Amino acid sequence: MTNKMLLSVAGLAAFVSYCFHRGQFARAAKAEVKEDLRRWEDEGGNVPQVATPSPAPVPQSSYPGNGSDARH
């Protein structure tokens, strides 16, 4: 019985250690991506070098609106 308990505690410790190790790896990768993104934004990001054209006007509907401006 003591062997089973010792084995289960060792297994639990191994599982916790594995989870901690994977968490540290994920945190380091996330920090690396954040640093790359911050450097990219500091360099100007996706700011265009030319003037951005304004959006095209939307054509008016040929149907009258709510009736207040309807022509007869």
PDB file of N, CA and C in Angstrom:
ATOM      1  N   MET A   1       0.823  -1.186   0.000  1.00  0.00           N
ATOM      2  CA  MET A   1       0.000   0.000   0.000  1.00  0.00           C
ATOM      3  C   MET A   1       0.871   1.256   0.000  1.00  0.00           C
ATOM      4  N   THR A   2       1.967   1.234   0.710  1.00  0.00           N
ATOM      5  CA  THR A   2       2.865   2.372   0.747  1.00  0.00           C
ATOM      6  C   THR A   2       3.484   2.598  -0.616  1.00  0.00           C
ATOM      7  N   ASN A   3       3.780   1.518  -1.343  1.00  0.00           N
ATOM      8  CA  ASN A   3       4.348   1.639  -2.681  1.00  0.00           C
ATOM      9  C   ASN A   3       3.358   2.315  -3.631  1.00  0.00           C
ATOM     10  N   LYS A   4       2.083   1.958  -3.526  1.00  0.00           N
ATOM     11  CA  LYS A   4       1.071   2.574  -4.385  1.00  0.00           C
ATOM     12  C   LYS A   4       0.933   4.060  -4.082  1.00  0.00           C
ATOM     13  N   MET A   5       0.959   4.412  -2.818  1.00  0.00           N
ATOM     14  CA  MET A   5       0.836   5.810  -2.432  1.00  0.00           C
ATOM     15  C   MET A   5       2.062   6.600  -2.910  1.00  0.00           C
ATOM     16  N   LEU A   6       3.243   6.027  -2.742  1.00  0.00           N
ATOM     17  CA  LEU A   6       4.463   6.690  -3.184  1.00  0.00           C
ATOM     18  C   LEU A   6       4.463   6.860  -4.701  1.00  0.00           C
ATOM     19  N   LEU A   7       4.006   5.837  -5.403  1.00  0.00           N
ATOM     20  CA  LEU A   7       3.930   5.904  -6.866  1.00  0.00           C
ATOM     21  C   LEU A   7       2.917   6.951  -7.325  1.00  0.00           C
ATOM     22  N   SER A   8       1.777   7.035  -6.639  1.00  0.00           N
ATOM     23  CA  SER A   8       0.771   8.026  -7.029  1.00  0.00           C
ATOM     24  C   SER A   8       1.261   9.443  -6.732  1.00  0.00           C
ATOM     25  N   VAL A   9       1.975   9.656  -5.631  1.00  0.00           N
ATOM     26  CA  VAL A   9       2.522  10.974  -5.319  1.00  0.00           C
ATOM     27  C   VAL A   9       3.584  11.347  -6.344  1.00  0.00           C
ATOM     28  N   ALA A  10       4.424  10.389  -6.735  1.00  0.00           N
ATOM     29  CA  ALA A  10       5.450  10.656  -7.747  1.00  0.00           C
ATOM     30  C   ALA A  10       4.803  10.997  -9.090  1.00  0.00           C
ATOM     31  N   GLY A  11       3.749  10.289  -9.444  1.00  0.00           N
ATOM     32  CA  GLY A  11       3.034  10.570 -10.689  1.00  0.00           C
ATOM     33  C   GLY A  11       2.400  11.953 -10.674  1.00  0.00           C
ATOM     34  N   LEU A  12       1.813  12.297  -9.546  1.00  0.00           N
ATOM     35  CA  LEU A  12       1.204  13.620  -9.415  1.00  0.00           C
ATOM     36  C   LEU A  12       2.266  14.718  -9.506  1.00  0.00           C
ATOM     37  N   ALA A  13       3.404  14.497  -8.864  1.00  0.00           N
ATOM     38  CA  ALA A  13       4.489  15.475  -8.919  1.00  0.00           C
ATOM     39  C   ALA A  13       5.015  15.620 -10.349  1.00  0.00           C
ATOM     40  N   ALA A  14       5.111  14.507 -11.064  1.00  0.00           N
ATOM     41  CA  ALA A  14       5.563  14.563 -12.455  1.00  0.00           C
ATOM     42  C   ALA A  14       4.568  15.331 -13.313  1.00  0.00           C
ATOM     43  N   PHE A  15       3.284  15.105 -13.092  1.00  0.00           N
ATOM     44  CA  PHE A  15       2.251  15.805 -13.856  1.00  0.00           C
ATOM     45  C   PHE A  15       2.294  17.311 -13.586  1.00  0.00           C
ATOM     46  N   VAL A  16       2.416  17.699 -12.329  1.00  0.00           N
ATOM     47  CA  VAL A  16       2.483  19.117 -11.977  1.00  0.00           C
ATOM     48  C   VAL A  16       3.733  19.745 -12.579  1.00  0.00           C
ATOM     49  N   SER A  17       4.846  19.029 -12.528  1.00  0.00           N
ATOM     50  CA  SER A  17       6.090  19.535 -13.109  1.00  0.00           C
ATOM     51  C   SER A  17       5.949  19.719 -14.618  1.00  0.00           C
ATOM     52  N   TYR A  18       5.315  18.768 -15.280  1.00  0.00           N
ATOM     53  CA  TYR A  18       5.104  18.862 -16.727  1.00  0.00           C
ATOM     54  C   TYR A  18       4.227  20.072 -17.066  1.00  0.00           C
ATOM     55  N   CYS A  19       3.155  20.249 -16.326  1.00  0.00           N
ATOM     56  CA  CYS A  19       2.258  21.390 -16.585  1.00  0.00           C
ATOM     57  C   CYS A  19       2.985  22.716 -16.358  1.00  0.00           C
ATOM     58  N   PHE A  20       3.785  22.794 -15.307  1.00  0.00           N
ATOM     59  CA  PHE A  20       4.534  24.010 -15.032  1.00  0.00           C
ATOM     60  C   PHE A  20       5.522  24.297 -16.159  1.00  0.00           C
ATOM     61  N   HIS A  21       6.196  23.259 -16.635  1.00  0.00           N
ATOM     62  CA  HIS A  21       7.173  23.425 -17.715  1.00  0.00           C
ATOM     63  C   HIS A  21       6.487  23.904 -18.999  1.00  0.00           C
ATOM     64  N   ARG A  22       5.359  23.321 -19.351  1.00  0.00           N
ATOM     65  CA  ARG A  22       4.629  23.739 -20.554  1.00  0.00           C
ATOM     66  C   ARG A  22       4.115  25.166 -20.407  1.00  0.00           C
ATOM     67  N   GLY A  23       3.679  25.548 -19.210  1.00  0.00           N
ATOM     68  CA  GLY A  23       3.219  26.910 -18.975  1.00  0.00           C
ATOM     69  C   GLY A  23       4.338  27.923 -19.151  1.00  0.00           C
ATOM     70  N   GLN A  24       5.527  27.598 -18.662  1.00  0.00           N
ATOM     71  CA  GLN A  24       6.667  28.487 -18.830  1.00  0.00           C
ATOM     72  C   GLN A  24       7.038  28.624 -20.300  1.00  0.00           C
ATOM     73  N   PHE A  25       6.985  27.530 -21.045  1.00  0.00           N
ATOM     74  CA  PHE A  25       7.297  27.557 -22.472  1.00  0.00           C
ATOM     75  C   PHE A  25       6.291  28.432 -23.216  1.00  0.00           C
ATOM     76  N   ALA A  26       5.011  28.284 -22.906  1.00  0.00           N
ATOM     77  CA  ALA A  26       3.970  29.082 -23.564  1.00  0.00           C
ATOM     78  C   ALA A  26       4.120  30.561 -23.222  1.00  0.00           C
ATOM     79  N   ARG A  27       4.446  30.865 -21.983  1.00  0.00           N
ATOM     80  CA  ARG A  27       4.609  32.260 -21.569  1.00  0.00           C
ATOM     81  C   ARG A  27       5.798  32.902 -22.289  1.00  0.00           C
ATOM     82  N   ALA A  28       6.886  32.147 -22.450  1.00  0.00           N
ATOM     83  CA  ALA A  28       8.059  32.678 -23.142  1.00  0.00           C
ATOM     84  C   ALA A  28       7.744  32.927 -24.617  1.00  0.00           C
ATOM     85  N   ALA A  29       7.007  32.023 -25.238  1.00  0.00           N
ATOM     86  CA  ALA A  29       6.646  32.195 -26.648  1.00  0.00           C
ATOM     87  C   ALA A  29       5.738  33.407 -26.819  1.00  0.00           C
ATOM     88  N   LYS A  30       4.798  33.590 -25.895  1.00  0.00           N
ATOM     89  CA  LYS A  30       3.883  34.727 -25.974  1.00  0.00           C
ATOM     90  C   LYS A  30       4.640  36.037 -25.806  1.00  0.00           C
ATOM     91  N   ALA A  31       5.618  36.066 -24.886  1.00  0.00           N
ATOM     92  CA  ALA A  31       6.407  37.270 -24.683  1.00  0.00           C
ATOM     93  C   ALA A  31       7.222  37.593 -25.932  1.00  0.00           C
ATOM     94  N   GLU A  32       7.717  36.565 -26.611  1.00  0.00           N
ATOM     95  CA  GLU A  32       8.490  36.780 -27.837  1.00  0.00           C
ATOM     96  C   GLU A  32       7.613  37.382 -28.931  1.00  0.00           C
ATOM     97  N   VAL A  33       6.400  36.889 -29.069  1.00  0.00           N
ATOM     98  CA  VAL A  33       5.475  37.426 -30.071  1.00  0.00           C
ATOM     99  C   VAL A  33       5.117  38.869 -29.733  1.00  0.00           C
ATOM    100  N   LYS A  34       4.876  39.149 -28.452  1.00  0.00           N
ATOM    101  CA  LYS A  34       4.552  40.521 -28.052  1.00  0.00           C
ATOM    102  C   LYS A  34       5.707  41.471 -28.365  1.00  0.00           C
ATOM    103  N   GLU A  35       6.932  41.017 -28.126  1.00  0.00           N
ATOM    104  CA  GLU A  35       8.097  41.862 -28.395  1.00  0.00           C
ATOM    105  C   GLU A  35       8.229  42.126 -29.895  1.00  0.00           C
ATOM    106  N   ASP A  36       8.012  41.102 -30.716  1.00  0.00           N
ATOM    107  CA  ASP A  36       8.064  41.298 -32.166  1.00  0.00           C
ATOM    108  C   ASP A  36       6.995  42.282 -32.621  1.00  0.00           C
ATOM    109  N   LEU A  37       5.798  42.148 -32.073  1.00  0.00           N
ATOM    110  CA  LEU A  37       4.699  43.039 -32.441  1.00  0.00           C
ATOM    111  C   LEU A  37       4.997  44.466 -32.004  1.00  0.00           C
ATOM    112  N   ARG A  38       5.530  44.637 -30.795  1.00  0.00           N
ATOM    113  CA  ARG A  38       5.849  45.979 -30.305  1.00  0.00           C
ATOM    114  C   ARG A  38       6.917  46.625 -31.183  1.00  0.00           C
ATOM    115  N   ARG A  39       7.933  45.855 -31.574  1.00  0.00           N
ATOM    116  CA  ARG A  39       8.986  46.396 -32.425  1.00  0.00           C
ATOM    117  C   ARG A  39       8.401  46.789 -33.786  1.00  0.00           C
ATOM    118  N   TRP A  40       7.510  45.955 -34.331  1.00  0.00           N
ATOM    119  CA  TRP A  40       6.891  46.234 -35.621  1.00  0.00           C
ATOM    120  C   TRP A  40       6.052  47.509 -35.537  1.00  0.00           C
ATOM    121  N   GLU A  41       5.297  47.680 -34.446  1.00  0.00           N
ATOM    122  CA  GLU A  41       4.480  48.876 -34.294  1.00  0.00           C
ATOM    123  C   GLU A  41       5.346  50.116 -34.101  1.00  0.00           C
ATOM    124  N   ASP A  42       6.470  49.973 -33.401  1.00  0.00           N
ATOM    125  CA  ASP A  42       7.364  51.108 -33.220  1.00  0.00           C
ATOM    126  C   ASP A  42       7.990  51.553 -34.537  1.00  0.00           C
ATOM    127  N   GLU A  43       8.142  50.631 -35.464  1.00  0.00           N
ATOM    128  CA  GLU A  43       8.716  50.967 -36.772  1.00  0.00           C
ATOM    129  C   GLU A  43       7.683  51.567 -37.713  1.00  0.00           C
ATOM    130  N   GLY A  44       6.448  51.648 -37.298  1.00  0.00           N
ATOM    131  CA  GLY A  44       5.419  52.261 -38.130  1.00  0.00           C
ATOM    132  C   GLY A  44       4.243  51.350 -38.387  1.00  0.00           C
ATOM    133  N   GLY A  45       4.369  50.072 -38.079  1.00  0.00           N
ATOM    134  CA  GLY A  45       3.255  49.152 -38.255  1.00  0.00           C
ATOM    135  C   GLY A  45       2.795  49.080 -39.690  1.00  0.00           C
ATOM    136  N   ASN A  46       1.515  49.113 -39.895  1.00  0.00           N
ATOM    137  CA  ASN A  46       0.982  49.053 -41.255  1.00  0.00           C
ATOM    138  C   ASN A  46       0.470  50.411 -41.706  1.00  0.00           C
ATOM    139  N   VAL A  47       1.109  51.462 -41.241  1.00  0.00           N
ATOM    140  CA  VAL A  47       0.738  52.812 -41.658  1.00  0.00           C
ATOM    141  C   VAL A  47       1.159  52.985 -43.109  1.00  0.00           C
ATOM    142  N   PRO A  48       0.242  53.318 -43.999  1.00  0.00           N
ATOM    143  CA  PRO A  48       0.600  53.463 -45.404  1.00  0.00           C
ATOM    144  C   PRO A  48       1.494  54.681 -45.636  1.00  0.00           C
ATOM    145  N   GLN A  49       2.354  54.582 -46.612  1.00  0.00           N
ATOM    146  CA  GLN A  49       3.269  55.676 -46.931  1.00  0.00           C
ATOM    147  C   GLN A  49       2.612  56.705 -47.851  1.00  0.00           C
ATOM    148  N   VAL A  50       1.496  56.337 -48.459  1.00  0.00           N
ATOM    149  CA  VAL A  50       0.770  57.260 -49.338  1.00  0.00           C
ATOM    150  C   VAL A  50      -0.556  57.622 -48.686  1.00  0.00           C
ATOM    151  N   ALA A  51      -1.151  58.682 -49.161  1.00  0.00           N
ATOM    152  CA  ALA A  51      -2.439  59.111 -48.617  1.00  0.00           C
ATOM    153  C   ALA A  51      -3.497  58.047 -48.909  1.00  0.00           C
ATOM    154  N   THR A  52      -4.286  57.752 -47.918  1.00  0.00           N
ATOM    155  CA  THR A  52      -5.347  56.764 -48.086  1.00  0.00           C
ATOM    156  C   THR A  52      -6.565  57.449 -48.684  1.00  0.00           C
ATOM    157  N   PRO A  53      -7.098  56.913 -49.789  1.00  0.00           N
ATOM    158  CA  PRO A  53      -8.284  57.543 -50.381  1.00  0.00           C
ATOM    159  C   PRO A  53      -9.498  57.388 -49.477  1.00  0.00           C
ATOM    160  N   SER A  54     -10.376  58.372 -49.542  1.00  0.00           N
ATOM    161  CA  SER A  54     -11.589  58.279 -48.744  1.00  0.00           C
ATOM    162  C   SER A  54     -12.525  57.265 -49.389  1.00  0.00           C
ATOM    163  N   PRO A  55     -13.432  56.692 -48.625  1.00  0.00           N
ATOM    164  CA  PRO A  55     -14.343  55.705 -49.185  1.00  0.00           C
ATOM    165  C   PRO A  55     -15.261  56.322 -50.242  1.00  0.00           C
ATOM    166  N   ALA A  56     -15.633  55.517 -51.212  1.00  0.00           N
ATOM    167  CA  ALA A  56     -16.513  55.988 -52.290  1.00  0.00           C
ATOM    168  C   ALA A  56     -17.895  56.293 -51.723  1.00  0.00           C
ATOM    169  N   PRO A  57     -18.553  57.324 -52.246  1.00  0.00           N
ATOM    170  CA  PRO A  57     -19.900  57.631 -51.748  1.00  0.00           C
ATOM    171  C   PRO A  57     -20.884  56.528 -52.119  1.00  0.00           C
ATOM    172  N   VAL A  58     -21.825  56.290 -51.239  1.00  0.00           N
ATOM    173  CA  VAL A  58     -22.850  55.271 -51.467  1.00  0.00           C
ATOM    174  C   VAL A  58     -23.989  55.922 -52.241  1.00  0.00           C
ATOM    175  N   PRO A  59     -24.399  55.306 -53.359  1.00  0.00           N
ATOM    176  CA  PRO A  59     -25.488  55.918 -54.138  1.00  0.00           C
ATOM    177  C   PRO A  59     -26.802  55.917 -53.357  1.00  0.00           C
ATOM    178  N   GLN A  60     -27.613  56.936 -53.629  1.00  0.00           N
ATOM    179  CA  GLN A  60     -28.913  57.041 -52.974  1.00  0.00           C
ATOM    180  C   GLN A  60     -29.852  55.981 -53.542  1.00  0.00           C
ATOM    181  N   SER A  61     -30.769  55.538 -52.738  1.00  0.00           N
ATOM    182  CA  SER A  61     -31.756  54.565 -53.181  1.00  0.00           C
ATOM    183  C   SER A  61     -32.777  55.250 -54.085  1.00  0.00           C
ATOM    184  N   SER A  62     -33.301  54.535 -55.074  1.00  0.00           N
ATOM    185  CA  SER A  62     -34.303  55.110 -55.967  1.00  0.00           C
ATOM    186  C   SER A  62     -35.696  55.025 -55.363  1.00  0.00           C
ATOM    187  N   TYR A  63     -35.824  54.347 -54.241  1.00  0.00           N
ATOM    188  CA  TYR A  63     -37.115  54.240 -53.575  1.00  0.00           C
ATOM    189  C   TYR A  63     -37.218  55.335 -52.528  1.00  0.00           C
ATOM    190  N   PRO A  64     -38.410  55.885 -52.336  1.00  0.00           N
ATOM    191  CA  PRO A  64     -38.559  56.932 -51.315  1.00  0.00           C
ATOM    192  C   PRO A  64     -38.294  56.353 -49.927  1.00  0.00           C
ATOM    193  N   GLY A  65     -37.918  57.230 -49.048  1.00  0.00           N
ATOM    194  CA  GLY A  65     -37.606  56.807 -47.674  1.00  0.00           C
ATOM    195  C   GLY A  65     -38.836  56.424 -46.901  1.00  0.00           C
ATOM    196  N   ASN A  66     -39.105  57.099 -45.813  1.00  0.00           N
ATOM    197  CA  ASN A  66     -40.236  56.756 -44.943  1.00  0.00           C
ATOM    198  C   ASN A  66     -41.528  57.473 -45.358  1.00  0.00           C
ATOM    199  N   GLY A  67     -41.542  58.111 -46.489  1.00  0.00           N
ATOM    200  CA  GLY A  67     -42.761  58.758 -46.976  1.00  0.00           C
ATOM    201  C   GLY A  67     -42.757  60.259 -46.805  1.00  0.00           C
ATOM    202  N   SER A  68     -41.874  60.781 -45.961  1.00  0.00           N
ATOM    203  CA  SER A  68     -41.893  62.221 -45.723  1.00  0.00           C
ATOM    204  C   SER A  68     -41.293  62.983 -46.903  1.00  0.00           C
ATOM    205  N   ASP A  69     -40.389  62.375 -47.624  1.00  0.00           N
ATOM    206  CA  ASP A  69     -39.779  63.067 -48.751  1.00  0.00           C
ATOM    207  C   ASP A  69     -40.219  62.455 -50.093  1.00  0.00           C
ATOM    208  N   ALA A  70     -41.325  61.734 -50.088  1.00  0.00           N
ATOM    209  CA  ALA A  70     -41.816  61.099 -51.301  1.00  0.00           C
ATOM    210  C   ALA A  70     -42.383  62.151 -52.248  1.00  0.00           C
ATOM    211  N   ARG A  71     -42.094  61.993 -53.521  1.00  0.00           N
ATOM    212  CA  ARG A  71     -42.603  62.932 -54.524  1.00  0.00           C
ATOM    213  C   ARG A  71     -43.754  62.272 -55.266  1.00  0.00           C
ATOM    214  N   HIS A  72     -44.806  63.075 -55.569  1.00  0.00           N
ATOM    215  CA  HIS A  72     -45.959  62.557 -56.316  1.00  0.00           C
ATOM    216  C   HIS A  72     -46.041  63.201 -57.661  1.00  0.00           C
TER     217      HIS A  72
END
